[in-house]
């Protein structure tokens, strides 16, 4: 029987070897890989996300939990890639042109991976044409843009316009975030959603995809 509490304790304390061991043990006991992923790793990471949102834990704790989750994912990945049942929904994410900040973006990436999404991380200082190329190549469900400077926020608008001009706007949902970004700004530039923090970004992506 998969013990969710054990998974949560090990993951929230960042115990990578313990998470790996629990994951392997659950598989050895005949638990389906989907169940180990969902009820073991993802549900534990979700709980960390809720605590982060409530201000009970902070970025360093989330990062060590995410790292521990990845050690468990490493055990599951080879099996998951063989099983065609799980088609993870894909999200492309990047910090817009002119902006070199990536801590917030990296946290969102980790939280989304923890939520079971497949992430294509374009990095920092990403020009509109790079977003467009990535949409054509990967055909994601959602595109996320981050900006940490008031001066680079305008690049979000430029990128959305470029995606429109490329005829790709109807194919993707676009979400934005970052310290200076607001819900009103997101609306004004034609984004589909805005998240104030990494844990909310996971909720937002789930909500958008369920619509």
N, C-alpha and C. Protein backbone atom coordinates (compact mmCIF):
# COMPACT_ATOMS: atom_id res chain seq x y z
N UNK A 1 0.85 -1.20 0.00
CA UNK A 1 0.00 0.00 0.00
C UNK A 1 0.89 1.26 0.00
N UNK A 2 0.61 2.17 -0.89
CA UNK A 2 1.44 3.38 -1.00
C UNK A 2 1.16 4.32 0.18
N UNK A 3 2.20 4.69 0.88
CA UNK A 3 2.04 5.54 2.07
C UNK A 3 2.30 7.01 1.71
N UNK A 4 1.20 7.76 1.51
CA UNK A 4 1.32 9.15 1.07
C UNK A 4 2.06 10.02 2.08
N UNK A 5 1.86 9.74 3.37
CA UNK A 5 2.52 10.55 4.41
C UNK A 5 4.04 10.41 4.34
N UNK A 6 4.48 9.18 4.11
CA UNK A 6 5.93 8.95 4.02
C UNK A 6 6.50 9.73 2.83
N UNK A 7 5.79 9.68 1.72
CA UNK A 7 6.24 10.42 0.53
C UNK A 7 6.32 11.92 0.85
N UNK A 8 5.26 12.41 1.49
CA UNK A 8 5.22 13.86 1.78
C UNK A 8 6.35 14.26 2.73
N UNK A 9 6.56 13.46 3.78
CA UNK A 9 7.60 13.79 4.77
C UNK A 9 8.97 13.83 4.10
N UNK A 10 9.27 12.78 3.33
CA UNK A 10 10.58 12.71 2.69
C UNK A 10 10.76 13.84 1.68
N UNK A 11 9.72 14.07 0.89
CA UNK A 11 9.82 15.09 -0.16
C UNK A 11 9.92 16.49 0.43
N UNK A 12 9.10 16.78 1.44
CA UNK A 12 9.10 18.13 2.00
C UNK A 12 10.40 18.43 2.75
N UNK A 13 11.10 17.36 3.18
CA UNK A 13 12.39 17.57 3.86
C UNK A 13 13.56 17.50 2.87
N UNK A 14 13.23 17.31 1.59
CA UNK A 14 14.27 17.30 0.56
C UNK A 14 15.16 16.07 0.59
N UNK A 15 14.63 14.95 1.14
CA UNK A 15 15.46 13.74 1.23
C UNK A 15 15.41 12.96 -0.08
N UNK A 16 16.36 13.28 -0.97
CA UNK A 16 16.34 12.71 -2.32
C UNK A 16 16.44 11.19 -2.33
N UNK A 17 17.38 10.64 -1.54
CA UNK A 17 17.57 9.18 -1.55
C UNK A 17 16.34 8.46 -1.00
N UNK A 18 15.73 9.07 0.00
CA UNK A 18 14.54 8.48 0.62
C UNK A 18 13.37 8.48 -0.38
N UNK A 19 13.21 9.58 -1.11
CA UNK A 19 12.13 9.66 -2.11
C UNK A 19 12.35 8.63 -3.21
N UNK A 20 13.61 8.50 -3.62
CA UNK A 20 13.97 7.50 -4.64
C UNK A 20 13.62 6.10 -4.15
N UNK A 21 13.99 5.82 -2.89
CA UNK A 21 13.76 4.49 -2.31
C UNK A 21 12.27 4.18 -2.21
N UNK A 22 11.49 5.18 -1.73
CA UNK A 22 10.04 4.98 -1.60
C UNK A 22 9.39 4.73 -2.96
N UNK A 23 9.88 5.46 -3.97
CA UNK A 23 9.33 5.31 -5.32
C UNK A 23 9.61 3.91 -5.85
N UNK A 24 10.86 3.47 -5.70
CA UNK A 24 11.24 2.13 -6.19
C UNK A 24 10.50 1.05 -5.42
N UNK A 25 10.37 1.25 -4.11
CA UNK A 25 9.68 0.28 -3.24
C UNK A 25 8.23 0.11 -3.68
N UNK A 26 7.56 1.25 -3.94
CA UNK A 26 6.15 1.20 -4.35
C UNK A 26 6.00 0.42 -5.66
N UNK A 27 6.94 0.66 -6.60
CA UNK A 27 6.90 -0.08 -7.87
C UNK A 27 7.14 -1.57 -7.63
N UNK A 28 8.12 -1.88 -6.77
CA UNK A 28 8.44 -3.29 -6.48
C UNK A 28 7.26 -4.02 -5.84
N UNK A 29 6.44 -3.26 -5.11
CA UNK A 29 5.27 -3.87 -4.46
C UNK A 29 4.08 -3.98 -5.43
N UNK A 30 4.34 -3.61 -6.68
CA UNK A 30 3.30 -3.80 -7.70
C UNK A 30 2.34 -2.62 -7.88
N UNK A 31 2.68 -1.47 -7.28
CA UNK A 31 1.82 -0.29 -7.50
C UNK A 31 1.99 0.18 -8.95
N UNK A 32 0.89 0.55 -9.63
CA UNK A 32 1.02 1.04 -11.00
C UNK A 32 1.80 2.35 -11.03
N UNK A 33 2.60 2.54 -12.07
CA UNK A 33 3.46 3.71 -12.18
C UNK A 33 2.66 5.01 -12.10
N UNK A 34 1.46 5.00 -12.70
CA UNK A 34 0.60 6.20 -12.67
C UNK A 34 0.24 6.57 -11.22
N UNK A 35 -0.05 5.53 -10.44
CA UNK A 35 -0.47 5.75 -9.04
C UNK A 35 0.69 6.31 -8.21
N UNK A 36 1.89 5.75 -8.45
CA UNK A 36 3.07 6.21 -7.71
C UNK A 36 3.33 7.69 -8.04
N UNK A 37 3.17 8.02 -9.32
CA UNK A 37 3.38 9.41 -9.74
C UNK A 37 2.34 10.33 -9.10
N UNK A 38 1.07 9.95 -9.26
CA UNK A 38 -0.02 10.83 -8.84
C UNK A 38 -0.17 10.90 -7.32
N UNK A 39 -0.30 9.72 -6.69
CA UNK A 39 -0.59 9.69 -5.25
C UNK A 39 0.67 9.84 -4.39
N UNK A 40 1.84 9.50 -4.98
CA UNK A 40 3.07 9.63 -4.23
C UNK A 40 3.72 10.98 -4.44
N UNK A 41 4.32 11.17 -5.62
CA UNK A 41 5.12 12.37 -5.86
C UNK A 41 4.30 13.64 -6.06
N UNK A 42 3.30 13.57 -6.97
CA UNK A 42 2.58 14.80 -7.30
C UNK A 42 1.73 15.29 -6.14
N UNK A 43 1.11 14.36 -5.42
CA UNK A 43 0.25 14.81 -4.32
C UNK A 43 1.11 15.42 -3.19
N UNK A 44 2.31 14.88 -2.98
CA UNK A 44 3.20 15.45 -1.96
C UNK A 44 3.65 16.85 -2.38
N UNK A 45 3.99 17.01 -3.67
CA UNK A 45 4.44 18.31 -4.16
C UNK A 45 3.30 19.33 -4.11
N UNK A 46 2.10 18.86 -4.37
CA UNK A 46 0.92 19.73 -4.26
C UNK A 46 0.78 20.29 -2.86
N UNK A 47 1.00 19.42 -1.87
CA UNK A 47 0.89 19.87 -0.47
C UNK A 47 1.94 20.92 -0.15
N UNK A 48 3.15 20.73 -0.69
CA UNK A 48 4.21 21.73 -0.50
C UNK A 48 3.76 23.05 -1.14
N UNK A 49 3.15 22.95 -2.33
CA UNK A 49 2.65 24.13 -3.04
C UNK A 49 1.61 24.89 -2.24
N UNK A 50 0.72 24.17 -1.60
CA UNK A 50 -0.33 24.81 -0.79
C UNK A 50 0.30 25.53 0.40
N UNK A 51 1.28 24.90 1.02
CA UNK A 51 1.95 25.52 2.18
C UNK A 51 2.72 26.76 1.76
N UNK A 52 3.30 26.70 0.56
CA UNK A 52 4.04 27.86 0.02
C UNK A 52 3.06 29.02 -0.20
N UNK A 53 1.91 28.68 -0.77
CA UNK A 53 0.90 29.71 -1.05
C UNK A 53 0.39 30.35 0.25
N UNK A 54 0.33 29.54 1.30
CA UNK A 54 -0.16 30.05 2.59
C UNK A 54 0.93 30.73 3.41
N UNK A 55 2.13 30.81 2.84
CA UNK A 55 3.23 31.47 3.55
C UNK A 55 3.82 30.65 4.68
N UNK A 56 3.56 29.31 4.67
CA UNK A 56 4.10 28.46 5.74
C UNK A 56 5.51 27.98 5.42
N UNK A 57 5.83 27.88 4.11
CA UNK A 57 7.21 27.57 3.71
C UNK A 57 7.63 28.58 2.65
N UNK A 58 8.94 28.65 2.41
CA UNK A 58 9.45 29.68 1.49
C UNK A 58 10.20 29.05 0.31
N UNK A 59 10.68 29.91 -0.58
CA UNK A 59 11.29 29.43 -1.82
C UNK A 59 12.37 28.35 -1.59
N UNK A 60 13.31 28.52 -0.64
CA UNK A 60 14.33 27.48 -0.48
C UNK A 60 13.74 26.09 -0.19
N UNK A 61 12.68 26.06 0.66
CA UNK A 61 12.05 24.77 0.98
C UNK A 61 11.38 24.16 -0.26
N UNK A 62 10.76 25.04 -1.06
CA UNK A 62 10.10 24.54 -2.28
C UNK A 62 11.15 23.97 -3.23
N UNK A 63 12.29 24.64 -3.33
CA UNK A 63 13.34 24.18 -4.24
C UNK A 63 13.90 22.82 -3.80
N UNK A 64 14.11 22.64 -2.49
CA UNK A 64 14.66 21.33 -2.07
C UNK A 64 13.60 20.23 -2.23
N UNK A 65 12.33 20.58 -2.04
CA UNK A 65 11.26 19.59 -2.25
C UNK A 65 11.18 19.21 -3.73
N UNK A 66 11.29 20.21 -4.60
CA UNK A 66 11.22 19.95 -6.04
C UNK A 66 12.38 19.06 -6.48
N UNK A 67 13.55 19.31 -5.88
CA UNK A 67 14.73 18.50 -6.23
C UNK A 67 14.50 17.04 -5.81
N UNK A 68 13.92 16.88 -4.63
CA UNK A 68 13.64 15.52 -4.14
C UNK A 68 12.61 14.84 -5.04
N UNK A 69 11.61 15.62 -5.48
CA UNK A 69 10.59 15.06 -6.38
C UNK A 69 11.24 14.57 -7.68
N UNK A 70 12.21 15.35 -8.18
CA UNK A 70 12.89 14.96 -9.43
C UNK A 70 13.65 13.65 -9.28
N UNK A 71 14.16 13.39 -8.07
CA UNK A 71 14.89 12.12 -7.88
C UNK A 71 13.91 10.94 -7.97
N UNK A 72 12.67 11.16 -7.51
CA UNK A 72 11.66 10.11 -7.66
C UNK A 72 11.20 9.99 -9.11
N UNK A 73 11.07 11.14 -9.78
CA UNK A 73 10.66 11.14 -11.20
C UNK A 73 11.68 10.39 -12.05
N UNK A 74 12.97 10.49 -11.68
CA UNK A 74 14.03 9.82 -12.44
C UNK A 74 13.80 8.30 -12.47
N UNK A 75 13.23 7.77 -11.37
CA UNK A 75 12.93 6.33 -11.31
C UNK A 75 11.75 6.01 -12.23
N UNK A 76 10.77 6.91 -12.27
CA UNK A 76 9.54 6.64 -13.04
C UNK A 76 9.66 6.93 -14.53
N UNK A 77 10.52 7.88 -14.88
CA UNK A 77 10.58 8.35 -16.27
C UNK A 77 10.75 7.24 -17.32
N UNK A 78 11.73 6.33 -17.13
CA UNK A 78 11.90 5.28 -18.15
C UNK A 78 10.62 4.45 -18.35
N UNK A 79 9.89 4.21 -17.26
CA UNK A 79 8.66 3.40 -17.36
C UNK A 79 7.56 4.22 -18.00
N UNK A 80 7.47 5.49 -17.60
CA UNK A 80 6.43 6.36 -18.15
C UNK A 80 6.60 6.56 -19.65
N UNK A 81 7.86 6.66 -20.09
CA UNK A 81 8.06 6.91 -21.52
C UNK A 81 7.65 5.70 -22.35
N UNK A 82 7.67 4.51 -21.73
CA UNK A 82 7.22 3.31 -22.45
C UNK A 82 5.70 3.25 -22.49
N UNK A 83 5.06 3.71 -21.40
CA UNK A 83 3.59 3.63 -21.37
C UNK A 83 3.01 4.85 -22.07
N UNK A 84 2.23 4.59 -23.08
CA UNK A 84 1.73 5.70 -23.92
C UNK A 84 0.47 6.32 -23.33
N UNK A 85 0.01 5.78 -22.19
CA UNK A 85 -1.26 6.28 -21.65
C UNK A 85 -1.15 7.72 -21.18
N UNK A 86 0.05 8.09 -20.69
CA UNK A 86 0.16 9.42 -20.09
C UNK A 86 0.72 10.41 -21.09
N UNK A 87 -0.15 11.19 -21.66
CA UNK A 87 0.30 12.25 -22.55
C UNK A 87 0.28 13.54 -21.75
N UNK A 88 1.44 13.92 -21.22
CA UNK A 88 1.48 15.11 -20.36
C UNK A 88 1.18 16.35 -21.20
N UNK A 89 0.44 17.27 -20.59
CA UNK A 89 0.16 18.52 -21.30
C UNK A 89 1.38 19.41 -21.22
N UNK A 90 1.66 20.03 -22.36
CA UNK A 90 2.93 20.74 -22.47
C UNK A 90 2.79 22.24 -22.25
N UNK A 91 3.77 22.80 -21.56
CA UNK A 91 3.81 24.24 -21.30
C UNK A 91 5.19 24.76 -21.72
N UNK A 92 5.18 25.84 -22.52
CA UNK A 92 6.43 26.52 -22.88
C UNK A 92 6.54 27.73 -21.97
N UNK A 93 7.73 27.97 -21.46
CA UNK A 93 7.88 29.10 -20.54
C UNK A 93 9.21 29.81 -20.79
N UNK A 94 9.22 31.12 -20.61
CA UNK A 94 10.46 31.86 -20.78
C UNK A 94 10.35 33.26 -20.19
N UNK A 95 11.50 33.84 -19.84
CA UNK A 95 11.55 35.24 -19.41
C UNK A 95 11.74 36.09 -20.67
N UNK A 96 10.94 37.14 -20.80
CA UNK A 96 10.89 37.88 -22.07
C UNK A 96 12.19 38.63 -22.39
N UNK A 97 12.28 39.06 -23.64
CA UNK A 97 13.46 39.76 -24.17
C UNK A 97 13.88 40.93 -23.27
N UNK A 98 15.19 41.03 -23.04
CA UNK A 98 15.72 42.14 -22.25
C UNK A 98 15.74 41.89 -20.75
N UNK A 99 15.14 40.76 -20.32
CA UNK A 99 15.04 40.47 -18.88
C UNK A 99 15.87 39.23 -18.57
N UNK A 100 16.79 39.37 -17.61
CA UNK A 100 17.71 38.27 -17.31
C UNK A 100 17.39 37.56 -16.00
N UNK A 101 16.20 37.81 -15.47
CA UNK A 101 15.83 37.19 -14.19
C UNK A 101 15.24 35.80 -14.41
N UNK A 102 15.69 34.85 -13.58
CA UNK A 102 15.09 33.52 -13.79
C UNK A 102 14.70 32.76 -12.53
N UNK A 103 14.89 33.36 -11.34
CA UNK A 103 14.53 32.60 -10.12
C UNK A 103 13.03 32.31 -10.10
N UNK A 104 12.22 33.34 -10.35
CA UNK A 104 10.76 33.15 -10.36
C UNK A 104 10.34 32.15 -11.42
N UNK A 105 10.92 32.31 -12.61
CA UNK A 105 10.56 31.41 -13.72
C UNK A 105 10.94 29.97 -13.37
N UNK A 106 12.14 29.80 -12.82
CA UNK A 106 12.59 28.44 -12.48
C UNK A 106 11.69 27.80 -11.43
N UNK A 107 11.20 28.61 -10.52
CA UNK A 107 10.31 28.09 -9.49
C UNK A 107 8.99 27.65 -10.12
N UNK A 108 8.49 28.46 -11.05
CA UNK A 108 7.25 28.09 -11.76
C UNK A 108 7.47 26.78 -12.53
N UNK A 109 8.64 26.67 -13.18
CA UNK A 109 8.96 25.44 -13.93
C UNK A 109 8.90 24.23 -13.00
N UNK A 110 9.55 24.37 -11.84
CA UNK A 110 9.58 23.25 -10.89
C UNK A 110 8.19 22.88 -10.39
N UNK A 111 7.40 23.92 -10.08
CA UNK A 111 6.05 23.67 -9.56
C UNK A 111 5.16 23.04 -10.63
N UNK A 112 5.32 23.48 -11.88
CA UNK A 112 4.52 22.89 -12.97
C UNK A 112 4.94 21.44 -13.22
N UNK A 113 6.25 21.18 -13.18
CA UNK A 113 6.71 19.79 -13.32
C UNK A 113 6.16 18.95 -12.18
N UNK A 114 6.14 19.57 -10.99
CA UNK A 114 5.56 18.90 -9.83
C UNK A 114 4.07 18.66 -9.99
N UNK A 115 3.44 19.46 -10.84
CA UNK A 115 2.00 19.29 -11.11
C UNK A 115 1.73 18.32 -12.25
N UNK A 116 2.81 17.74 -12.78
CA UNK A 116 2.63 16.71 -13.81
C UNK A 116 2.67 17.22 -15.24
N UNK A 117 3.06 18.47 -15.42
CA UNK A 117 3.14 19.02 -16.79
C UNK A 117 4.53 18.80 -17.37
N UNK A 118 4.56 18.77 -18.71
CA UNK A 118 5.84 18.67 -19.40
C UNK A 118 6.25 20.08 -19.78
N UNK A 119 7.47 20.47 -19.41
CA UNK A 119 7.88 21.87 -19.58
C UNK A 119 8.99 22.01 -20.61
N UNK A 120 8.83 23.00 -21.48
CA UNK A 120 9.92 23.40 -22.37
C UNK A 120 10.36 24.77 -21.87
N UNK A 121 11.55 24.82 -21.27
CA UNK A 121 12.05 26.08 -20.68
C UNK A 121 12.95 26.79 -21.69
N UNK A 122 12.51 27.95 -22.16
CA UNK A 122 13.28 28.69 -23.16
C UNK A 122 14.36 29.57 -22.53
N UNK A 123 14.37 29.66 -21.20
CA UNK A 123 15.42 30.44 -20.53
C UNK A 123 15.07 31.91 -20.38
N UNK A 124 16.10 32.75 -20.41
CA UNK A 124 15.91 34.19 -20.18
C UNK A 124 16.14 34.97 -21.48
N UNK A 125 15.73 36.26 -21.47
CA UNK A 125 15.99 37.15 -22.61
C UNK A 125 15.48 36.53 -23.91
N UNK A 126 14.24 36.04 -23.87
CA UNK A 126 13.68 35.30 -25.02
C UNK A 126 12.94 36.25 -25.96
N UNK A 127 13.42 36.43 -27.20
CA UNK A 127 12.73 37.31 -28.14
C UNK A 127 11.46 36.65 -28.67
N UNK A 128 10.52 37.47 -29.20
CA UNK A 128 9.26 36.92 -29.70
C UNK A 128 9.43 35.78 -30.69
N UNK A 129 10.41 35.90 -31.61
CA UNK A 129 10.54 34.85 -32.64
C UNK A 129 10.92 33.50 -32.05
N UNK A 130 11.61 33.52 -30.88
CA UNK A 130 11.98 32.26 -30.24
C UNK A 130 10.74 31.59 -29.64
N UNK A 131 9.84 32.41 -29.07
CA UNK A 131 8.55 31.86 -28.59
C UNK A 131 7.78 31.24 -29.76
N UNK A 132 7.76 31.97 -30.89
CA UNK A 132 7.01 31.50 -32.07
C UNK A 132 7.59 30.18 -32.59
N UNK A 133 8.91 30.11 -32.70
CA UNK A 133 9.55 28.86 -33.16
C UNK A 133 9.19 27.70 -32.24
N UNK A 134 9.22 27.98 -30.92
CA UNK A 134 8.94 26.92 -29.94
C UNK A 134 7.48 26.45 -30.04
N UNK A 135 6.57 27.38 -30.30
CA UNK A 135 5.16 27.00 -30.45
C UNK A 135 5.00 26.10 -31.68
N UNK A 136 5.66 26.47 -32.77
CA UNK A 136 5.57 25.65 -34.00
C UNK A 136 6.18 24.26 -33.77
N UNK A 137 7.31 24.23 -33.08
CA UNK A 137 8.01 22.95 -32.88
C UNK A 137 7.29 22.04 -31.89
N UNK A 138 6.89 22.60 -30.75
CA UNK A 138 6.38 21.76 -29.66
C UNK A 138 4.86 21.68 -29.58
N UNK A 139 4.18 22.63 -30.23
CA UNK A 139 2.71 22.69 -30.17
C UNK A 139 2.19 22.54 -28.74
N UNK A 140 2.58 23.45 -27.87
CA UNK A 140 2.18 23.35 -26.46
C UNK A 140 0.71 23.73 -26.26
N UNK A 141 0.22 23.44 -25.06
CA UNK A 141 -1.14 23.84 -24.69
C UNK A 141 -1.13 25.27 -24.13
N UNK A 142 -0.03 25.57 -23.42
CA UNK A 142 0.05 26.86 -22.73
C UNK A 142 1.44 27.47 -22.95
N UNK A 143 1.47 28.82 -23.07
CA UNK A 143 2.75 29.54 -23.13
C UNK A 143 2.80 30.48 -21.93
N UNK A 144 3.87 30.41 -21.14
CA UNK A 144 4.02 31.27 -19.97
C UNK A 144 5.15 32.26 -20.18
N UNK A 145 4.90 33.52 -19.82
CA UNK A 145 5.94 34.54 -19.95
C UNK A 145 6.17 35.21 -18.60
N UNK A 146 7.45 35.46 -18.32
CA UNK A 146 7.80 36.10 -17.05
C UNK A 146 8.55 37.39 -17.33
N UNK A 147 8.30 38.40 -16.50
CA UNK A 147 9.07 39.66 -16.57
C UNK A 147 9.24 40.16 -15.14
N UNK A 148 10.45 40.56 -14.80
CA UNK A 148 10.73 41.03 -13.45
C UNK A 148 10.99 42.53 -13.40
N UNK A 149 11.05 43.15 -14.58
CA UNK A 149 11.33 44.59 -14.64
C UNK A 149 10.16 45.31 -15.29
N UNK A 150 9.85 46.50 -14.78
CA UNK A 150 8.77 47.27 -15.41
C UNK A 150 9.12 47.60 -16.85
N UNK A 151 10.41 47.75 -17.12
CA UNK A 151 10.84 48.12 -18.49
C UNK A 151 10.67 46.97 -19.48
N UNK A 152 10.63 45.72 -19.00
CA UNK A 152 10.51 44.61 -19.96
C UNK A 152 9.07 44.09 -20.07
N UNK A 153 8.18 44.63 -19.24
CA UNK A 153 6.77 44.18 -19.31
C UNK A 153 6.20 44.37 -20.71
N UNK A 154 6.60 45.44 -21.37
CA UNK A 154 6.07 45.75 -22.70
C UNK A 154 6.40 44.62 -23.69
N UNK A 155 7.49 43.89 -23.41
CA UNK A 155 7.86 42.78 -24.30
C UNK A 155 6.82 41.67 -24.28
N UNK A 156 6.07 41.58 -23.18
CA UNK A 156 4.99 40.58 -23.14
C UNK A 156 3.94 40.92 -24.19
N UNK A 157 3.60 42.21 -24.24
CA UNK A 157 2.62 42.67 -25.23
C UNK A 157 3.15 42.43 -26.64
N UNK A 158 4.42 42.78 -26.87
CA UNK A 158 5.03 42.60 -28.19
C UNK A 158 5.03 41.13 -28.61
N UNK A 159 5.30 40.25 -27.64
CA UNK A 159 5.35 38.81 -27.94
C UNK A 159 3.96 38.28 -28.29
N UNK A 160 2.96 38.71 -27.53
CA UNK A 160 1.59 38.27 -27.82
C UNK A 160 1.18 38.74 -29.22
N UNK A 161 1.53 39.98 -29.55
CA UNK A 161 1.22 40.51 -30.89
C UNK A 161 1.92 39.69 -31.97
N UNK A 162 3.18 39.37 -31.74
CA UNK A 162 3.96 38.60 -32.72
C UNK A 162 3.34 37.21 -32.91
N UNK A 163 2.87 36.60 -31.80
CA UNK A 163 2.23 35.28 -31.90
C UNK A 163 0.93 35.39 -32.71
N UNK A 164 0.22 36.50 -32.51
CA UNK A 164 -1.00 36.76 -33.29
C UNK A 164 -0.67 36.90 -34.77
N UNK A 165 0.35 37.72 -35.07
CA UNK A 165 0.72 37.94 -36.47
C UNK A 165 1.19 36.66 -37.14
N UNK A 166 1.76 35.77 -36.34
CA UNK A 166 2.23 34.50 -36.91
C UNK A 166 1.07 33.52 -37.11
N UNK A 167 -0.14 33.95 -36.71
CA UNK A 167 -1.32 33.10 -36.90
C UNK A 167 -1.41 31.94 -35.92
N UNK A 168 -0.75 32.09 -34.77
CA UNK A 168 -0.70 30.97 -33.81
C UNK A 168 -1.50 31.23 -32.54
N UNK A 169 -2.09 32.43 -32.44
CA UNK A 169 -2.71 32.82 -31.16
C UNK A 169 -3.84 31.89 -30.74
N UNK A 170 -4.60 31.35 -31.71
CA UNK A 170 -5.74 30.49 -31.35
C UNK A 170 -5.31 29.11 -30.88
N UNK A 171 -4.03 28.78 -31.13
CA UNK A 171 -3.57 27.44 -30.76
C UNK A 171 -3.15 27.33 -29.31
N UNK A 172 -2.84 28.47 -28.68
CA UNK A 172 -2.28 28.40 -27.32
C UNK A 172 -2.99 29.35 -26.35
N UNK A 173 -2.91 28.99 -25.10
CA UNK A 173 -3.33 29.90 -24.03
C UNK A 173 -2.06 30.57 -23.50
N UNK A 174 -2.13 31.86 -23.27
CA UNK A 174 -0.94 32.59 -22.83
C UNK A 174 -1.15 33.11 -21.40
N UNK A 175 -0.19 32.78 -20.52
CA UNK A 175 -0.27 33.29 -19.15
C UNK A 175 0.99 34.10 -18.84
N UNK A 176 0.86 35.08 -17.96
CA UNK A 176 1.98 35.95 -17.63
C UNK A 176 2.14 36.08 -16.11
N UNK A 177 3.35 36.45 -15.70
CA UNK A 177 3.60 36.65 -14.27
C UNK A 177 4.93 37.33 -14.05
N UNK A 178 5.20 37.66 -12.80
CA UNK A 178 6.44 38.38 -12.45
C UNK A 178 6.10 39.53 -11.53
N UNK A 179 7.08 39.98 -10.77
CA UNK A 179 6.85 40.97 -9.73
C UNK A 179 6.03 42.20 -10.15
N UNK A 180 6.34 42.88 -11.28
CA UNK A 180 5.60 44.10 -11.59
C UNK A 180 4.27 43.85 -12.31
N UNK A 181 4.04 42.60 -12.71
CA UNK A 181 2.86 42.28 -13.55
C UNK A 181 1.61 42.20 -12.67
N UNK A 182 0.51 42.71 -13.21
CA UNK A 182 -0.77 42.65 -12.47
C UNK A 182 -1.81 41.97 -13.33
N UNK A 183 -2.89 41.62 -12.68
CA UNK A 183 -4.00 40.98 -13.38
C UNK A 183 -4.56 41.93 -14.44
N UNK A 184 -4.63 43.22 -14.12
CA UNK A 184 -5.16 44.20 -15.08
C UNK A 184 -4.24 44.31 -16.30
N UNK A 185 -2.94 44.33 -16.05
CA UNK A 185 -1.98 44.41 -17.15
C UNK A 185 -2.14 43.20 -18.07
N UNK A 186 -2.29 42.03 -17.46
CA UNK A 186 -2.46 40.79 -18.24
C UNK A 186 -3.67 40.90 -19.16
N UNK A 187 -4.74 41.45 -18.61
CA UNK A 187 -5.97 41.64 -19.38
C UNK A 187 -5.75 42.63 -20.52
N UNK A 188 -5.09 43.74 -20.19
CA UNK A 188 -4.86 44.81 -21.17
C UNK A 188 -4.05 44.33 -22.38
N UNK A 189 -3.10 43.42 -22.15
CA UNK A 189 -2.25 42.99 -23.27
C UNK A 189 -2.81 41.75 -23.98
N UNK A 190 -3.97 41.27 -23.52
CA UNK A 190 -4.61 40.16 -24.21
C UNK A 190 -4.14 38.78 -23.79
N UNK A 191 -3.56 38.68 -22.56
CA UNK A 191 -3.16 37.35 -22.06
C UNK A 191 -4.40 36.61 -21.55
N UNK A 192 -4.30 35.29 -21.45
CA UNK A 192 -5.44 34.50 -20.98
C UNK A 192 -5.49 34.37 -19.47
N UNK A 193 -4.38 34.73 -18.81
CA UNK A 193 -4.38 34.61 -17.36
C UNK A 193 -3.12 35.16 -16.74
N UNK A 194 -3.20 35.37 -15.41
CA UNK A 194 -2.07 35.92 -14.65
C UNK A 194 -1.99 35.17 -13.33
N UNK A 195 -0.76 34.86 -12.89
CA UNK A 195 -0.58 34.22 -11.59
C UNK A 195 0.40 35.04 -10.75
N UNK A 196 0.04 35.34 -9.50
CA UNK A 196 0.91 36.14 -8.64
C UNK A 196 2.12 35.38 -8.09
N UNK A 197 2.04 34.04 -8.07
CA UNK A 197 3.18 33.26 -7.57
C UNK A 197 3.19 31.88 -8.21
N UNK A 198 4.26 31.13 -7.92
CA UNK A 198 4.47 29.85 -8.60
C UNK A 198 3.36 28.83 -8.33
N UNK A 199 2.92 28.75 -7.08
CA UNK A 199 1.88 27.76 -6.76
C UNK A 199 0.57 28.12 -7.47
N UNK A 200 0.27 29.42 -7.54
CA UNK A 200 -0.94 29.85 -8.24
C UNK A 200 -0.84 29.57 -9.74
N UNK A 201 0.39 29.59 -10.27
CA UNK A 201 0.58 29.33 -11.70
C UNK A 201 0.10 27.91 -12.04
N UNK A 202 0.36 26.96 -11.15
CA UNK A 202 -0.09 25.58 -11.38
C UNK A 202 -1.62 25.54 -11.42
N UNK A 203 -2.25 26.19 -10.45
CA UNK A 203 -3.72 26.24 -10.41
C UNK A 203 -4.27 26.89 -11.67
N UNK A 204 -3.61 27.97 -12.10
CA UNK A 204 -4.07 28.71 -13.28
C UNK A 204 -4.00 27.84 -14.53
N UNK A 205 -2.88 27.14 -14.71
CA UNK A 205 -2.73 26.28 -15.89
C UNK A 205 -3.79 25.19 -15.88
N UNK A 206 -4.00 24.58 -14.71
CA UNK A 206 -5.04 23.53 -14.61
C UNK A 206 -6.41 24.09 -14.98
N UNK A 207 -6.70 25.27 -14.47
CA UNK A 207 -8.01 25.90 -14.69
C UNK A 207 -8.21 26.22 -16.19
N UNK A 208 -7.17 26.81 -16.78
CA UNK A 208 -7.24 27.19 -18.20
C UNK A 208 -7.45 25.97 -19.08
N UNK A 209 -6.74 24.89 -18.76
CA UNK A 209 -6.83 23.68 -19.59
C UNK A 209 -8.15 22.94 -19.40
N UNK A 210 -8.79 23.21 -18.27
CA UNK A 210 -10.07 22.54 -18.01
C UNK A 210 -11.24 23.27 -18.70
N UNK A 211 -10.97 24.48 -19.16
CA UNK A 211 -12.07 25.28 -19.74
C UNK A 211 -12.53 24.72 -21.06
